[in-house]
C-alpha cells in the first residue's frame, strides 16, 4: 500500500484547483461581503449620531414625546422611534421622529429639539441614549477582527507556500 505525504498531496491537480477557487472566488467574495457589512454598520451608526447632533445654526427648544413606533429584529431586539412635537418661534407646532433607541420612550416626557429657524421641519431630537457610540465601537471591533483574520491567513499561506517551494528545491 502506497502512502502519500502532505507535500505530495498538496501538489495534486485537484488541490491546485481548489486553492485557485478559494483564492480567486471565496476570499474576494467573503472580503467583499465583510466590507459591505462593516460599511453598512458604520454608516448606520454615523447616521444615528448625526441625527442626534444640533442642526447647524439652529435654535434649541423643548418638545414632548407624543407617541413612538417599534421595530423588532431577531438580533437587535426591540427598537423604539419616538414621535416628538415642538413649538417653533413662528408659532406653529411641528412633529418629528427622534432617533431609534433601545429604551422605551415615556409618553409626555420632555425632550430637547434643535431646529432650523428658516425651516422648522428640519429638526433633530437631541435626546438620545447614545447607542451610536456603542455601535461604532462594536463595528470597529468587528472590522479589526476581520482584518486581523485576513492578515493571519495571508501570513500562514505565505509560510506554507515558502515551505512547499523549499521542499521542492531539495533533492
Protein backbone atom coordinates (compact mmCIF):
# COMPACT_ATOMS: atom_id res chain seq x y z
CA UNK A 1 0.00 0.00 0.00
CA UNK A 2 1.39 3.36 -1.03
CA UNK A 3 1.28 6.29 1.39
CA UNK A 4 1.48 9.89 0.34
CA UNK A 5 2.88 12.72 2.36
CA UNK A 6 1.27 16.10 2.84
CA UNK A 7 3.70 17.60 0.34
CA UNK A 8 2.71 15.13 -2.35
CA UNK A 9 -1.00 15.69 -1.72
CA UNK A 10 -0.53 19.44 -1.97
CA UNK A 11 0.83 19.11 -5.50
CA UNK A 12 -2.15 17.24 -6.98
CA UNK A 13 -4.16 18.99 -9.72
CA UNK A 14 -7.36 18.77 -7.64
CA UNK A 15 -5.72 20.58 -4.72
CA UNK A 16 -4.34 23.25 -7.04
CA UNK A 17 -7.81 23.74 -8.48
CA UNK A 18 -9.32 24.01 -5.01
CA UNK A 19 -6.68 26.56 -3.98
CA UNK A 20 -7.37 28.63 -7.09
CA UNK A 21 -11.09 28.50 -6.37
CA UNK A 22 -10.50 29.64 -2.78
CA UNK A 23 -8.01 32.32 -3.79
CA UNK A 24 -9.97 33.79 -6.68
CA UNK A 25 -13.58 33.19 -5.63
CA UNK A 26 -14.17 32.60 -1.92
CA UNK A 27 -11.68 35.02 -0.41
CA UNK A 28 -12.76 38.00 -2.57
CA UNK A 29 -16.42 37.11 -2.06
CA UNK A 30 -16.19 36.94 1.74
CA UNK A 31 -13.93 40.00 1.87
CA UNK A 32 -16.45 41.99 -0.18
CA UNK A 33 -19.38 40.83 1.97
CA UNK A 34 -17.48 41.68 5.15
CA UNK A 35 -16.56 45.12 3.80
CA UNK A 36 -20.18 45.84 2.80
CA UNK A 37 -21.46 44.73 6.20
CA UNK A 38 -18.92 46.87 8.03
CA UNK A 39 -19.72 49.85 5.79
CA UNK A 40 -23.45 49.43 6.48
CA UNK A 41 -22.94 49.19 10.22
CA UNK A 42 -20.69 52.25 10.35
CA UNK A 43 -22.99 54.27 8.07
CA UNK A 44 -25.95 53.38 10.28
CA UNK A 45 -24.10 54.38 13.44
CA UNK A 46 -22.93 57.67 11.94
CA UNK A 47 -26.41 58.50 10.64
CA UNK A 48 -27.86 57.94 14.09
CA UNK A 49 -25.10 60.08 15.57
CA UNK A 50 -25.73 62.89 13.04
CA UNK A 51 -29.44 62.96 13.82
CA UNK A 52 -28.67 63.40 17.50
CA UNK A 53 -26.44 66.45 16.84
CA UNK A 54 -27.78 70.03 16.82
CA UNK A 55 -28.92 71.44 13.48
CA UNK A 56 -26.24 73.85 12.16
CA UNK A 57 -27.21 77.44 13.08
CA UNK A 58 -30.30 76.02 14.71
CA UNK A 59 -32.43 77.03 17.65
CA UNK A 60 -32.78 74.75 20.66
CA UNK A 61 -36.15 74.29 22.30
CA UNK A 62 -38.05 71.67 24.24
CA UNK A 63 -40.56 69.25 22.86
CA UNK A 64 -42.77 66.44 24.11
CA UNK A 65 -42.88 62.76 23.23
CA UNK A 66 -46.42 62.08 22.00
CA UNK A 67 -46.06 58.57 20.62
CA UNK A 68 -43.49 56.03 19.41
CA UNK A 69 -43.08 53.28 16.85
CA UNK A 70 -41.42 49.95 17.47
CA UNK A 71 -39.36 47.61 15.36
CA UNK A 72 -38.31 44.15 16.45
CA UNK A 73 -35.48 42.26 14.84
CA UNK A 74 -34.14 38.77 15.54
CA UNK A 75 -30.71 40.07 16.56
CA UNK A 76 -31.29 43.69 17.51
CA UNK A 77 -34.28 43.17 19.78
CA UNK A 78 -36.92 45.86 20.09
CA UNK A 79 -36.04 49.38 18.96
CA UNK A 80 -38.14 52.46 19.66
CA UNK A 81 -38.67 55.51 17.43
CA UNK A 82 -40.15 58.42 19.45
CA UNK A 83 -42.56 60.87 17.84
CA UNK A 84 -41.94 64.36 19.20
CA UNK A 85 -43.84 67.63 18.90
CA UNK A 86 -42.43 71.09 19.48
CA UNK A 87 -43.48 74.71 19.04
CA UNK A 88 -41.24 76.77 16.74
CA UNK A 89 -40.61 80.51 17.01
CA UNK A 90 -43.09 81.06 14.14
CA UNK A 91 -45.90 79.82 16.44
CA UNK A 92 -46.55 76.56 14.61
CA UNK A 93 -46.38 73.08 16.06
CA UNK A 94 -44.13 70.55 14.30
CA UNK A 95 -43.83 66.80 14.63
CA UNK A 96 -40.57 64.91 14.10
CA UNK A 97 -39.27 61.44 14.83
CA UNK A 98 -36.34 61.07 17.18
CA UNK A 99 -33.55 58.57 16.62
CA UNK A 100 -34.14 54.85 17.08
CA UNK A 101 -33.12 53.67 20.52
CA UNK A 102 -33.18 50.65 22.76
CA UNK A 103 -35.20 52.26 25.56
CA UNK A 104 -38.96 52.66 25.50
CA UNK A 105 -39.84 56.38 25.36
CA UNK A 106 -42.08 57.79 28.05
CA UNK A 107 -45.15 59.47 26.56
CA UNK A 108 -45.28 63.07 27.78
CA UNK A 109 -41.56 63.23 28.56
CA UNK A 110 -39.71 66.42 27.69
CA UNK A 111 -37.02 66.22 25.01
CA UNK A 112 -34.52 68.71 23.63
CA UNK A 113 -35.07 69.69 19.99
CA UNK A 114 -32.76 71.60 17.66
CA UNK A 115 -34.37 73.05 14.55
CA UNK A 116 -33.59 75.29 11.60
CA UNK A 117 -35.43 78.61 12.17
CA UNK A 118 -35.88 79.07 8.41
CA UNK A 119 -37.27 75.55 8.01
CA UNK A 120 -38.54 74.22 11.36
CA UNK A 121 -39.41 70.88 9.75
CA UNK A 122 -35.64 70.29 9.64
CA UNK A 123 -35.19 69.31 13.26
CA UNK A 124 -33.30 66.82 15.39
CA UNK A 125 -34.24 65.25 18.69
CA UNK A 126 -31.10 65.71 20.78
CA UNK A 127 -32.30 63.34 23.48
CA UNK A 128 -30.57 60.08 22.65
CA UNK A 129 -29.35 57.11 24.63
CA UNK A 130 -26.03 57.30 22.71
CA UNK A 131 -26.29 53.82 21.23
CA UNK A 132 -24.36 55.08 18.21
CA UNK A 133 -21.16 55.12 20.25
CA UNK A 134 -21.58 51.51 21.32
CA UNK A 135 -22.49 50.52 17.76
CA UNK A 136 -19.47 52.29 16.32
CA UNK A 137 -17.12 50.63 18.82
CA UNK A 138 -18.59 47.17 18.20
CA UNK A 139 -18.46 47.60 14.42
CA UNK A 140 -14.88 48.84 14.67
CA UNK A 141 -14.05 45.74 16.66
CA UNK A 142 -15.63 43.51 14.01
CA UNK A 143 -13.69 45.33 11.29
CA UNK A 144 -10.45 44.88 13.22
CA UNK A 145 -11.10 41.16 13.77
CA UNK A 146 -11.89 40.58 10.08
CA UNK A 147 -8.74 42.45 9.03
CA UNK A 148 -6.66 40.52 11.59
CA UNK A 149 -8.07 37.18 10.37
CA UNK A 150 -7.25 38.06 6.76
CA UNK A 151 -3.73 39.17 7.74
CA UNK A 152 -3.09 36.00 9.77
CA UNK A 153 -4.50 33.80 6.99
CA UNK A 154 -2.31 35.54 4.43
CA UNK A 155 0.77 35.12 6.64
CA UNK A 156 0.07 31.41 7.19
CA UNK A 157 -0.47 30.90 3.46
CA UNK A 158 2.84 32.59 2.64
CA UNK A 159 4.70 30.40 5.13
CA UNK A 160 3.15 27.24 3.69
CA UNK A 161 3.97 28.26 0.13
CA UNK A 162 7.53 29.09 1.11
CA UNK A 163 7.98 25.72 2.85
CA UNK A 164 6.46 23.92 -0.13
CA UNK A 165 8.77 25.72 -2.56
CA UNK A 166 11.79 24.94 -0.36
CA UNK A 167 10.85 21.26 -0.16
CA UNK A 168 10.61 21.02 -3.97
CA UNK A 169 14.07 22.56 -4.34
CA UNK A 170 15.70 19.92 -2.15
CA UNK A 171 16.96 16.82 -4.00
